[in-house]
C-alpha atoms as a PDB file:
ATOM      1  CA  UNK A   1     -13.532   9.908  35.591  1.00  0.00           C
ATOM      2  CA  UNK A   2     -13.639  13.179  37.544  1.00  0.00           C
ATOM      3  CA  UNK A   3     -15.608  15.693  35.480  1.00  0.00           C
ATOM      4  CA  UNK A   4     -15.051  18.589  37.873  1.00  0.00           C
ATOM      5  CA  UNK A   5     -11.593  19.465  36.562  1.00  0.00           C
ATOM      6  CA  UNK A   6      -9.353  18.636  33.614  1.00  0.00           C
ATOM      7  CA  UNK A   7      -6.833  15.872  34.470  1.00  0.00           C
ATOM      8  CA  UNK A   8      -4.147  17.749  32.525  1.00  0.00           C
ATOM      9  CA  UNK A   9      -4.406  21.387  33.596  1.00  0.00           C
ATOM     10  CA  UNK A  10      -7.137  21.360  36.292  1.00  0.00           C
ATOM     11  CA  UNK A  11      -9.246  23.923  34.403  1.00  0.00           C
ATOM     12  CA  UNK A  12     -13.021  23.516  34.169  1.00  0.00           C
ATOM     13  CA  UNK A  13     -14.662  21.032  31.817  1.00  0.00           C
ATOM     14  CA  UNK A  14     -17.664  22.192  29.782  1.00  0.00           C
ATOM     15  CA  UNK A  15     -20.293  19.978  28.188  1.00  0.00           C
ATOM     16  CA  UNK A  16     -19.635  19.891  24.450  1.00  0.00           C
ATOM     17  CA  UNK A  17     -21.602  16.977  22.940  1.00  0.00           C
ATOM     18  CA  UNK A  18     -24.492  14.813  24.090  1.00  0.00           C
ATOM     19  CA  UNK A  19     -24.167  11.357  22.572  1.00  0.00           C
ATOM     20  CA  UNK A  20     -24.496   7.885  24.098  1.00  0.00           C
ATOM     21  CA  UNK A  21     -22.151   9.328  26.741  1.00  0.00           C
ATOM     22  CA  UNK A  22     -21.642  13.037  27.337  1.00  0.00           C
ATOM     23  CA  UNK A  23     -18.409  14.587  26.051  1.00  0.00           C
ATOM     24  CA  UNK A  24     -16.768  17.533  27.809  1.00  0.00           C
ATOM     25  CA  UNK A  25     -13.992  19.846  26.648  1.00  0.00           C
ATOM     26  CA  UNK A  26     -11.387  21.555  28.800  1.00  0.00           C
ATOM     27  CA  UNK A  27     -11.569  25.348  28.681  1.00  0.00           C
ATOM     28  CA  UNK A  28      -7.782  25.505  29.040  1.00  0.00           C
ATOM     29  CA  UNK A  29      -5.800  22.809  27.188  1.00  0.00           C
ATOM     30  CA  UNK A  30      -8.583  21.551  24.911  1.00  0.00           C
ATOM     31  CA  UNK A  31      -8.665  17.964  26.194  1.00  0.00           C
ATOM     32  CA  UNK A  32     -11.887  16.093  25.420  1.00  0.00           C
ATOM     33  CA  UNK A  33     -13.224  13.888  28.235  1.00  0.00           C
ATOM     34  CA  UNK A  34     -16.159  11.475  28.109  1.00  0.00           C
ATOM     35  CA  UNK A  35     -18.460  10.471  30.938  1.00  0.00           C
ATOM     36  CA  UNK A  36     -18.162   6.911  29.662  1.00  0.00           C
ATOM     37  CA  UNK A  37     -18.612   3.519  31.295  1.00  0.00           C
ATOM     38  CA  UNK A  38     -16.504   0.407  30.859  1.00  0.00           C
ATOM     39  CA  UNK A  39     -18.565  -2.752  30.272  1.00  0.00           C
ATOM     40  CA  UNK A  40     -16.894  -5.475  32.353  1.00  0.00           C
ATOM     41  CA  UNK A  41     -19.069  -8.125  30.713  1.00  0.00           C
ATOM     42  CA  UNK A  42     -16.986  -7.645  27.542  1.00  0.00           C
ATOM     43  CA  UNK A  43     -20.116  -7.746  25.402  1.00  0.00           C
ATOM     44  CA  UNK A  44     -19.855  -5.335  22.488  1.00  0.00           C
ATOM     45  CA  UNK A  45     -20.752  -4.735  18.867  1.00  0.00           C
ATOM     46  CA  UNK A  46     -17.249  -5.555  17.632  1.00  0.00           C
ATOM     47  CA  UNK A  47     -17.037  -8.032  14.775  1.00  0.00           C
ATOM     48  CA  UNK A  48     -13.637  -9.516  15.625  1.00  0.00           C
ATOM     49  CA  UNK A  49     -13.178 -11.328  12.305  1.00  0.00           C
ATOM     50  CA  UNK A  50     -13.818  -8.162  10.305  1.00  0.00           C
ATOM     51  CA  UNK A  51     -11.677  -6.178  12.739  1.00  0.00           C
ATOM     52  CA  UNK A  52      -8.709  -8.429  12.029  1.00  0.00           C
ATOM     53  CA  UNK A  53      -9.052  -7.926   8.276  1.00  0.00           C
ATOM     54  CA  UNK A  54      -9.438  -4.175   8.609  1.00  0.00           C
ATOM     55  CA  UNK A  55      -6.630  -3.591  11.055  1.00  0.00           C
ATOM     56  CA  UNK A  56      -3.898  -6.208  11.152  1.00  0.00           C
ATOM     57  CA  UNK A  57      -1.825  -5.144   8.158  1.00  0.00           C
ATOM     58  CA  UNK A  58      -2.157  -1.477   9.125  1.00  0.00           C
ATOM     59  CA  UNK A  59      -1.154  -2.051  12.740  1.00  0.00           C
ATOM     60  CA  UNK A  60       1.760  -4.296  11.801  1.00  0.00           C
ATOM     61  CA  UNK A  61       3.163  -1.700   9.387  1.00  0.00           C
ATOM     62  CA  UNK A  62       2.877   0.995  12.066  1.00  0.00           C
ATOM     63  CA  UNK A  63       4.487  -1.274  14.648  1.00  0.00           C
ATOM     64  CA  UNK A  64       7.492  -1.809  12.401  1.00  0.00           C
ATOM     65  CA  UNK A  65       8.003   1.963  12.306  1.00  0.00           C
ATOM     66  CA  UNK A  66       7.904   2.095  16.108  1.00  0.00           C
ATOM     67  CA  UNK A  67      10.361  -0.804  16.352  1.00  0.00           C
ATOM     68  CA  UNK A  68      12.797   1.065  14.121  1.00  0.00           C
ATOM     69  CA  UNK A  69      12.724   4.025  16.512  1.00  0.00           C
ATOM     70  CA  UNK A  70      13.318   1.725  19.497  1.00  0.00           C
ATOM     71  CA  UNK A  71      16.310   0.212  17.693  1.00  0.00           C
ATOM     72  CA  UNK A  72      17.623   3.684  16.950  1.00  0.00           C
ATOM     73  CA  UNK A  73      17.358   4.690  20.594  1.00  0.00           C
ATOM     74  CA  UNK A  74      19.099   1.584  21.874  1.00  0.00           C
ATOM     75  CA  UNK A  75      21.357   1.012  18.858  1.00  0.00           C
ATOM     76  CA  UNK A  76      23.203  -2.313  19.232  1.00  0.00           C
ATOM     77  CA  UNK A  77      21.628  -3.008  22.637  1.00  0.00           C
ATOM     78  CA  UNK A  78      18.023  -3.320  21.397  1.00  0.00           C
ATOM     79  CA  UNK A  79      17.955  -7.097  21.876  1.00  0.00           C
ATOM     80  CA  UNK A  80      18.898  -6.763  25.551  1.00  0.00           C
ATOM     81  CA  UNK A  81      16.015  -4.526  26.606  1.00  0.00           C
ATOM     82  CA  UNK A  82      12.803  -5.499  28.378  1.00  0.00           C
ATOM     83  CA  UNK A  83       9.478  -3.928  27.442  1.00  0.00           C
ATOM     84  CA  UNK A  84       5.857  -4.063  28.583  1.00  0.00           C
ATOM     85  CA  UNK A  85       2.778  -3.491  26.439  1.00  0.00           C
ATOM     86  CA  UNK A  86      -0.275  -2.447  28.437  1.00  0.00           C
ATOM     87  CA  UNK A  87      -3.417  -3.794  26.799  1.00  0.00           C
ATOM     88  CA  UNK A  88      -1.713  -6.239  24.433  1.00  0.00           C
ATOM     89  CA  UNK A  89      -5.002  -7.579  23.013  1.00  0.00           C
ATOM     90  CA  UNK A  90      -4.467 -10.210  20.356  1.00  0.00           C
ATOM     91  CA  UNK A  91      -0.685  -9.906  20.559  1.00  0.00           C
ATOM     92  CA  UNK A  92       0.095  -8.219  17.236  1.00  0.00           C
ATOM     93  CA  UNK A  93       2.668  -5.907  18.832  1.00  0.00           C
ATOM     94  CA  UNK A  94       4.223  -8.790  20.782  1.00  0.00           C
ATOM     95  CA  UNK A  95       4.558 -10.735  17.531  1.00  0.00           C
ATOM     96  CA  UNK A  96       6.397  -7.852  15.832  1.00  0.00           C
ATOM     97  CA  UNK A  97       8.715  -7.549  18.840  1.00  0.00           C
ATOM     98  CA  UNK A  98       9.432 -11.279  18.764  1.00  0.00           C
ATOM     99  CA  UNK A  99      10.185 -11.113  15.046  1.00  0.00           C
ATOM    100  CA  UNK A 100      12.674  -8.312  15.707  1.00  0.00           C
ATOM    101  CA  UNK A 101      14.340  -9.988  18.681  1.00  0.00           C
ATOM    102  CA  UNK A 102      12.956  -7.538  21.250  1.00  0.00           C
ATOM    103  CA  UNK A 103      11.823  -8.922  24.605  1.00  0.00           C
ATOM    104  CA  UNK A 104       8.377  -7.530  25.415  1.00  0.00           C
ATOM    105  CA  UNK A 105       5.762  -8.855  27.836  1.00  0.00           C
ATOM    106  CA  UNK A 106       2.092  -7.905  27.906  1.00  0.00           C
ATOM    107  CA  UNK A 107      -0.728  -7.254  30.316  1.00  0.00           C
ATOM    108  CA  UNK A 108      -4.303  -7.766  29.129  1.00  0.00           C
ATOM    109  CA  UNK A 109      -7.721  -7.828  30.859  1.00  0.00           C
ATOM    110  CA  UNK A 110      -9.436 -10.050  28.284  1.00  0.00           C
ATOM    111  CA  UNK A 111      -8.701 -13.746  28.801  1.00  0.00           C
ATOM    112  CA  UNK A 112     -10.296 -14.612  25.432  1.00  0.00           C
ATOM    113  CA  UNK A 113      -6.866 -13.951  23.874  1.00  0.00           C
ATOM    114  CA  UNK A 114      -5.111 -16.401  26.211  1.00  0.00           C
ATOM    115  CA  UNK A 115      -5.036 -19.392  23.859  1.00  0.00           C
ATOM    116  CA  UNK A 116      -3.440 -17.371  21.071  1.00  0.00           C
ATOM    117  CA  UNK A 117      -0.890 -15.897  23.455  1.00  0.00           C
ATOM    118  CA  UNK A 118       0.098 -19.353  24.665  1.00  0.00           C
ATOM    119  CA  UNK A 119       0.342 -20.772  21.144  1.00  0.00           C
ATOM    120  CA  UNK A 120       2.717 -17.949  20.187  1.00  0.00           C
ATOM    121  CA  UNK A 121       4.789 -18.187  23.362  1.00  0.00           C
ATOM    122  CA  UNK A 122       3.968 -14.669  24.556  1.00  0.00           C
ATOM    123  CA  UNK A 123       4.553 -13.657  28.174  1.00  0.00           C
ATOM    124  CA  UNK A 124       1.226 -12.147  29.268  1.00  0.00           C
ATOM    125  CA  UNK A 125      -0.308 -11.311  32.649  1.00  0.00           C
ATOM    126  CA  UNK A 126      -4.123 -11.186  32.754  1.00  0.00           C
ATOM    127  CA  UNK A 127      -5.858  -8.335  34.544  1.00  0.00           C
ATOM    128  CA  UNK A 128      -5.780  -4.557  34.699  1.00  0.00           C
ATOM    129  CA  UNK A 129      -2.636  -2.466  35.025  1.00  0.00           C
ATOM    130  CA  UNK A 130      -1.380  -1.487  37.576  1.00  0.00           C
ATOM    131  CA  UNK A 131      -3.344  -3.958  39.729  1.00  0.00           C
ATOM    132  CA  UNK A 132      -1.780  -6.935  37.979  1.00  0.00           C
ATOM    133  CA  UNK A 133       1.962  -6.409  37.699  1.00  0.00           C
ATOM    134  CA  UNK A 134       5.164  -7.803  39.110  1.00  0.00           C
ATOM    135  CA  UNK A 135       8.301  -6.184  40.472  1.00  0.00           C
ATOM    136  CA  UNK A 136      10.050  -6.127  37.090  1.00  0.00           C
ATOM    137  CA  UNK A 137      11.565  -2.837  35.961  1.00  0.00           C
ATOM    138  CA  UNK A 138      11.160  -2.144  32.259  1.00  0.00           C
ATOM    139  CA  UNK A 139      13.207  -0.299  29.671  1.00  0.00           C
ATOM    140  CA  UNK A 140      10.058   0.780  27.876  1.00  0.00           C
ATOM    141  CA  UNK A 141       6.313   0.705  28.447  1.00  0.00           C
ATOM    142  CA  UNK A 142       4.105   1.040  25.389  1.00  0.00           C
ATOM    143  CA  UNK A 143       0.438   1.803  24.736  1.00  0.00           C
ATOM    144  CA  UNK A 144      -0.926   0.946  21.286  1.00  0.00           C
ATOM    145  CA  UNK A 145      -4.344   2.644  21.022  1.00  0.00           C
ATOM    146  CA  UNK A 146      -4.953   1.931  24.713  1.00  0.00           C
ATOM    147  CA  UNK A 147      -3.965   5.063  26.671  1.00  0.00           C
ATOM    148  CA  UNK A 148      -7.206   6.805  25.692  1.00  0.00           C
ATOM    149  CA  UNK A 149      -9.250   3.920  27.162  1.00  0.00           C
ATOM    150  CA  UNK A 150      -7.974   4.417  30.733  1.00  0.00           C
ATOM    151  CA  UNK A 151      -9.856   6.915  32.935  1.00  0.00           C
ATOM    152  CA  UNK A 152      -7.303   7.889  35.592  1.00  0.00           C
ATOM    153  CA  UNK A 153      -4.424   9.061  33.418  1.00  0.00           C
ATOM    154  CA  UNK A 154      -2.522  10.775  36.235  1.00  0.00           C
ATOM    155  CA  UNK A 155      -2.328   7.642  38.394  1.00  0.00           C
ATOM    156  CA  UNK A 156      -1.450   5.718  35.247  1.00  0.00           C
ATOM    157  CA  UNK A 157       1.500   7.971  34.365  1.00  0.00           C
ATOM    158  CA  UNK A 158       2.760   7.848  37.951  1.00  0.00           C
ATOM    159  CA  UNK A 159       2.658   4.030  37.975  1.00  0.00           C
ATOM    160  CA  UNK A 160       4.570   3.855  34.706  1.00  0.00           C
ATOM    161  CA  UNK A 161       7.269   6.148  36.049  1.00  0.00           C
ATOM    162  CA  UNK A 162       7.706   3.798  39.025  1.00  0.00           C
ATOM    163  CA  UNK A 163       7.893   0.723  36.764  1.00  0.00           C
ATOM    164  CA  UNK A 164      10.498   2.102  34.355  1.00  0.00           C
ATOM    165  CA  UNK A 165      14.254   1.832  34.699  1.00  0.00           C
ATOM    166  CA  UNK A 166      16.152   5.097  34.895  1.00  0.00           C
ATOM    167  CA  UNK A 167      16.211   6.686  31.418  1.00  0.00           C
ATOM    168  CA  UNK A 168      13.457   4.301  30.329  1.00  0.00           C
ATOM    169  CA  UNK A 169      10.847   5.244  27.713  1.00  0.00           C
ATOM    170  CA  UNK A 170       7.102   5.700  27.767  1.00  0.00           C
ATOM    171  CA  UNK A 171       5.770   5.131  24.238  1.00  0.00           C
ATOM    172  CA  UNK A 172       2.227   6.226  23.421  1.00  0.00           C
ATOM    173  CA  UNK A 173       0.613   5.392  20.087  1.00  0.00           C
ATOM    174  CA  UNK A 174      -2.644   7.345  20.177  1.00  0.00           C
ATOM    175  CA  UNK A 175      -5.452   8.888  18.063  1.00  0.00           C
ATOM    176  CA  UNK A 176      -5.523  12.687  18.129  1.00  0.00           C
ATOM    177  CA  UNK A 177      -8.419  15.073  18.634  1.00  0.00           C
ATOM    178  CA  UNK A 178      -7.212  17.545  15.975  1.00  0.00           C
ATOM    179  CA  UNK A 179      -6.737  14.974  13.223  1.00  0.00           C
ATOM    180  CA  UNK A 180      -8.658  14.810   9.945  1.00  0.00           C
ATOM    181  CA  UNK A 181     -11.234  12.204  10.963  1.00  0.00           C
ATOM    182  CA  UNK A 182     -11.819  13.654  14.409  1.00  0.00           C
ATOM    183  CA  UNK A 183     -12.572  17.048  12.900  1.00  0.00           C
ATOM    184  CA  UNK A 184     -14.847  15.525  10.262  1.00  0.00           C
ATOM    185  CA  UNK A 185     -16.783  13.588  12.920  1.00  0.00           C
ATOM    186  CA  UNK A 186     -17.450  16.803  14.826  1.00  0.00           C
ATOM    187  CA  UNK A 187     -18.619  18.545  11.644  1.00  0.00           C
ATOM    188  CA  UNK A 188     -21.031  15.687  10.860  1.00  0.00           C
ATOM    189  CA  UNK A 189     -22.314  15.841  14.426  1.00  0.00           C
ATOM    190  CA  UNK A 190     -23.213  19.515  13.907  1.00  0.00           C
ATOM    191  CA  UNK A 191     -25.143  18.430  10.813  1.00  0.00           C
ATOM    192  CA  UNK A 192     -27.138  15.974  12.920  1.00  0.00           C
ATOM    193  CA  UNK A 193     -25.234  12.826  11.975  1.00  0.00           C
ATOM    194  CA  UNK A 194     -24.050  11.472  15.316  1.00  0.00           C
ATOM    195  CA  UNK A 195     -22.858   8.025  14.221  1.00  0.00           C
ATOM    196  CA  UNK A 196     -19.389   9.228  13.195  1.00  0.00           C
ATOM    197  CA  UNK A 197     -18.605  10.825  16.547  1.00  0.00           C
ATOM    198  CA  UNK A 198     -20.032   7.852  18.438  1.00  0.00           C
ATOM    199  CA  UNK A 199     -17.778   5.613  16.349  1.00  0.00           C
ATOM    200  CA  UNK A 200     -14.686   7.754  16.940  1.00  0.00           C
ATOM    201  CA  UNK A 201     -15.220   7.443  20.693  1.00  0.00           C
ATOM    202  CA  UNK A 202     -16.102   3.722  20.375  1.00  0.00           C
ATOM    203  CA  UNK A 203     -19.184   4.248  22.516  1.00  0.00           C
ATOM    204  CA  UNK A 204     -20.851   1.087  21.198  1.00  0.00           C
ATOM    205  CA  UNK A 205     -17.828  -1.042  22.096  1.00  0.00           C
ATOM    206  CA  UNK A 206     -17.256  -2.532  25.544  1.00  0.00           C
ATOM    207  CA  UNK A 207     -14.170  -0.334  26.082  1.00  0.00           C
ATOM    208  CA  UNK A 208     -14.955   3.257  24.983  1.00  0.00           C
ATOM    209  CA  UNK A 209     -12.563   6.176  24.910  1.00  0.00           C
ATOM    210  CA  UNK A 210     -12.417   8.257  28.067  1.00  0.00           C
ATOM    211  CA  UNK A 211     -10.171  10.945  26.591  1.00  0.00           C
ATOM    212  CA  UNK A 212      -9.090  12.459  23.289  1.00  0.00           C
ATOM    213  CA  UNK A 213      -5.701  14.186  23.466  1.00  0.00           C
ATOM    214  CA  UNK A 214      -3.771  16.368  21.076  1.00  0.00           C
ATOM    215  CA  UNK A 215       0.032  16.487  20.974  1.00  0.00           C
ATOM    216  CA  UNK A 216       0.263  19.493  23.272  1.00  0.00           C
ATOM    217  CA  UNK A 217      -1.962  18.383  26.126  1.00  0.00           C
ATOM    218  CA  UNK A 218      -0.555  14.845  26.035  1.00  0.00           C
ATOM    219  CA  UNK A 219       2.938  16.265  26.503  1.00  0.00           C
ATOM    220  CA  UNK A 220       1.624  18.544  29.261  1.00  0.00           C
ATOM    221  CA  UNK A 221       0.162  15.554  31.101  1.00  0.00           C
ATOM    222  CA  UNK A 222       3.152  13.223  31.053  1.00  0.00           C
ATOM    223  CA  UNK A 223       5.683  15.989  31.733  1.00  0.00           C
ATOM    224  CA  UNK A 224       4.021  16.417  35.144  1.00  0.00           C
ATOM    225  CA  UNK A 225       5.135  12.882  35.969  1.00  0.00           C
ATOM    226  CA  UNK A 226       8.826  13.057  35.188  1.00  0.00           C
ATOM    227  CA  UNK A 227       8.901  12.522  31.412  1.00  0.00           C
ATOM    228  CA  UNK A 228      10.418  14.541  28.574  1.00  0.00           C
ATOM    229  CA  UNK A 229       9.303  14.147  24.965  1.00  0.00           C
ATOM    230  CA  UNK A 230      12.174  13.175  22.683  1.00  0.00           C
ATOM    231  CA  UNK A 231      10.415  12.296  19.426  1.00  0.00           C
ATOM    232  CA  UNK A 232       7.063  11.909  17.697  1.00  0.00           C
ATOM    233  CA  UNK A 233       5.955  10.941  14.224  1.00  0.00           C
ATOM    234  CA  UNK A 234       2.872  10.248  12.175  1.00  0.00           C
ATOM    235  CA  UNK A 235       1.397   6.782  11.773  1.00  0.00           C
ATOM    236  CA  UNK A 236      -0.983   5.611   9.082  1.00  0.00           C
ATOM    237  CA  UNK A 237      -4.675   5.834   9.959  1.00  0.00           C
ATOM    238  CA  UNK A 238      -6.144   3.606   7.256  1.00  0.00           C
ATOM    239  CA  UNK A 239      -5.263   0.618   5.170  1.00  0.00           C
ATOM    240  CA  UNK A 240      -6.948   1.909   2.019  1.00  0.00           C
ATOM    241  CA  UNK A 241      -7.364  -1.648   0.703  1.00  0.00           C
ATOM    242  CA  UNK A 242      -9.508  -2.608   3.714  1.00  0.00           C
ATOM    243  CA  UNK A 243     -11.492   0.531   4.528  1.00  0.00           C
ATOM    244  CA  UNK A 244     -14.870  -1.198   4.422  1.00  0.00           C
ATOM    245  CA  UNK A 245     -13.747  -3.874   6.885  1.00  0.00           C
ATOM    246  CA  UNK A 246     -12.352  -1.226   9.241  1.00  0.00           C
ATOM    247  CA  UNK A 247     -15.585   0.786   9.272  1.00  0.00           C
ATOM    248  CA  UNK A 248     -17.882  -2.237   9.623  1.00  0.00           C
ATOM    249  CA  UNK A 249     -16.010  -3.496  12.680  1.00  0.00           C
ATOM    250  CA  UNK A 250     -19.006  -2.005  14.501  1.00  0.00           C
ATOM    251  CA  UNK A 251     -21.927  -4.251  13.545  1.00  0.00           C
ATOM    252  CA  UNK A 252     -24.384  -1.420  14.316  1.00  0.00           C
ATOM    253  CA  UNK A 253     -22.753   1.000  11.902  1.00  0.00           C
ATOM    254  CA  UNK A 254     -25.191   2.895   9.669  1.00  0.00           C
ATOM    255  CA  UNK A 255     -25.561   2.661   5.904  1.00  0.00           C
ATOM    256  CA  UNK A 256     -24.456   6.283   5.677  1.00  0.00           C
ATOM    257  CA  UNK A 257     -21.156   5.363   7.329  1.00  0.00           C
ATOM    258  CA  UNK A 258     -20.627   2.425   4.980  1.00  0.00           C
ATOM    259  CA  UNK A 259     -21.312   4.671   1.989  1.00  0.00           C
ATOM    260  CA  UNK A 260     -18.815   7.223   3.292  1.00  0.00           C
ATOM    261  CA  UNK A 261     -16.213   4.474   3.561  1.00  0.00           C
ATOM    262  CA  UNK A 262     -16.416   4.010  -0.206  1.00  0.00           C
ATOM    263  CA  UNK A 263     -15.628   7.700  -0.708  1.00  0.00           C
ATOM    264  CA  UNK A 264     -12.518   7.609   1.478  1.00  0.00           C
ATOM    265  CA  UNK A 265     -10.383   5.890  -1.154  1.00  0.00           C
ATOM    266  CA  UNK A 266     -10.865   8.867  -3.469  1.00  0.00           C
ATOM    267  CA  UNK A 267      -9.954  11.220  -0.636  1.00  0.00           C
ATOM    268  CA  UNK A 268      -6.616   9.513   0.055  1.00  0.00           C
ATOM    269  CA  UNK A 269      -4.431  12.483  -1.089  1.00  0.00           C
ATOM    270  CA  UNK A 270      -6.443  14.894   1.073  1.00  0.00           C
ATOM    271  CA  UNK A 271      -6.263  12.590   4.109  1.00  0.00           C
ATOM    272  CA  UNK A 272      -2.515  12.113   3.747  1.00  0.00           C
ATOM    273  CA  UNK A 273      -1.965  15.871   3.479  1.00  0.00           C
ATOM    274  CA  UNK A 274      -4.132  16.754   6.501  1.00  0.00           C
ATOM    275  CA  UNK A 275      -3.102  16.798  10.152  1.00  0.00           C
ATOM    276  CA  UNK A 276      -2.474  13.230  11.336  1.00  0.00           C
ATOM    277  CA  UNK A 277      -5.137  11.273  13.161  1.00  0.00           C
ATOM    278  CA  UNK A 278      -2.591   8.993  14.808  1.00  0.00           C
ATOM    279  CA  UNK A 279       0.893   9.681  16.122  1.00  0.00           C
ATOM    280  CA  UNK A 280       3.377   7.851  18.290  1.00  0.00           C
ATOM    281  CA  UNK A 281       5.182   9.756  21.028  1.00  0.00           C
ATOM    282  CA  UNK A 282       8.399   8.759  22.786  1.00  0.00           C
ATOM    283  CA  UNK A 283       8.866  10.173  26.280  1.00  0.00           C
ATOM    284  CA  UNK A 284      12.050   9.601  28.279  1.00  0.00           C
ATOM    285  CA  UNK A 285      11.959   9.193  32.036  1.00  0.00           C
ATOM    286  CA  UNK A 286      14.070  12.078  33.307  1.00  0.00           C
ATOM    287  CA  UNK A 287      13.054  12.140  36.972  1.00  0.00           C
ATOM    288  CA  UNK A 288      11.263   9.903  39.465  1.00  0.00           C
ATOM    289  CA  UNK A 289       7.881  10.648  40.987  1.00  0.00           C
ATOM    290  CA  UNK A 290       8.038  11.968  44.536  1.00  0.00           C
END
């Protein structure tokens, strides 16, 4: 990650927070950028069993909302389209696509998911995009909580443009820097409690966040690469029945964080009324990269 200039607007980046990795903020568009490192050994503090309990129902419900928008865009032709999910992980999105008759392949660096992919009949290529890809042109390319984990977002957007059919769609499901939990984490950091902000950036996981976008600077980035935003909508951040499991995905999480998780259920009306922490954005390819 180049820390000399913002990848969105090329303005200067200023050091904002010193955590496990330093976090910088753009003086122009407000993008947050971390001087993070990807751990290729894939050794992390993630409790995968707990993670499944805390996330699966939430993700599946959000995926169904995204599928409905894809069906709306393609109307009666939705079963004839070809999609690609970058960073398909355990295959939850691929399963929802299969259930809805939508043809979607995946690309995934972690081979630990391979057995499950094969058992479910998913079409998955193993490696990092765009290094591992074929000559297929796609009708849509989707990121589900993955875009923020990739350091070179400009090269990424350019590669997606090249891999999409004309009038294809780039779909980005992403956490936002101006959402309720992001703001709270920064407030706690000012009070000397750093664990929340470390957790938001996933710095104790093998694949940390490199960036934290808001709706405006995300649109500014992808519009440079031949895309036009056509829709966006809020997604649910928490499954309030499994908050504890979601928080304790990180096995190093503090007791303070666990205690705060218990308070979140009571704060549900406030959370739902606040600015969203997660949105999905649909961008249409309107021109090709030069």
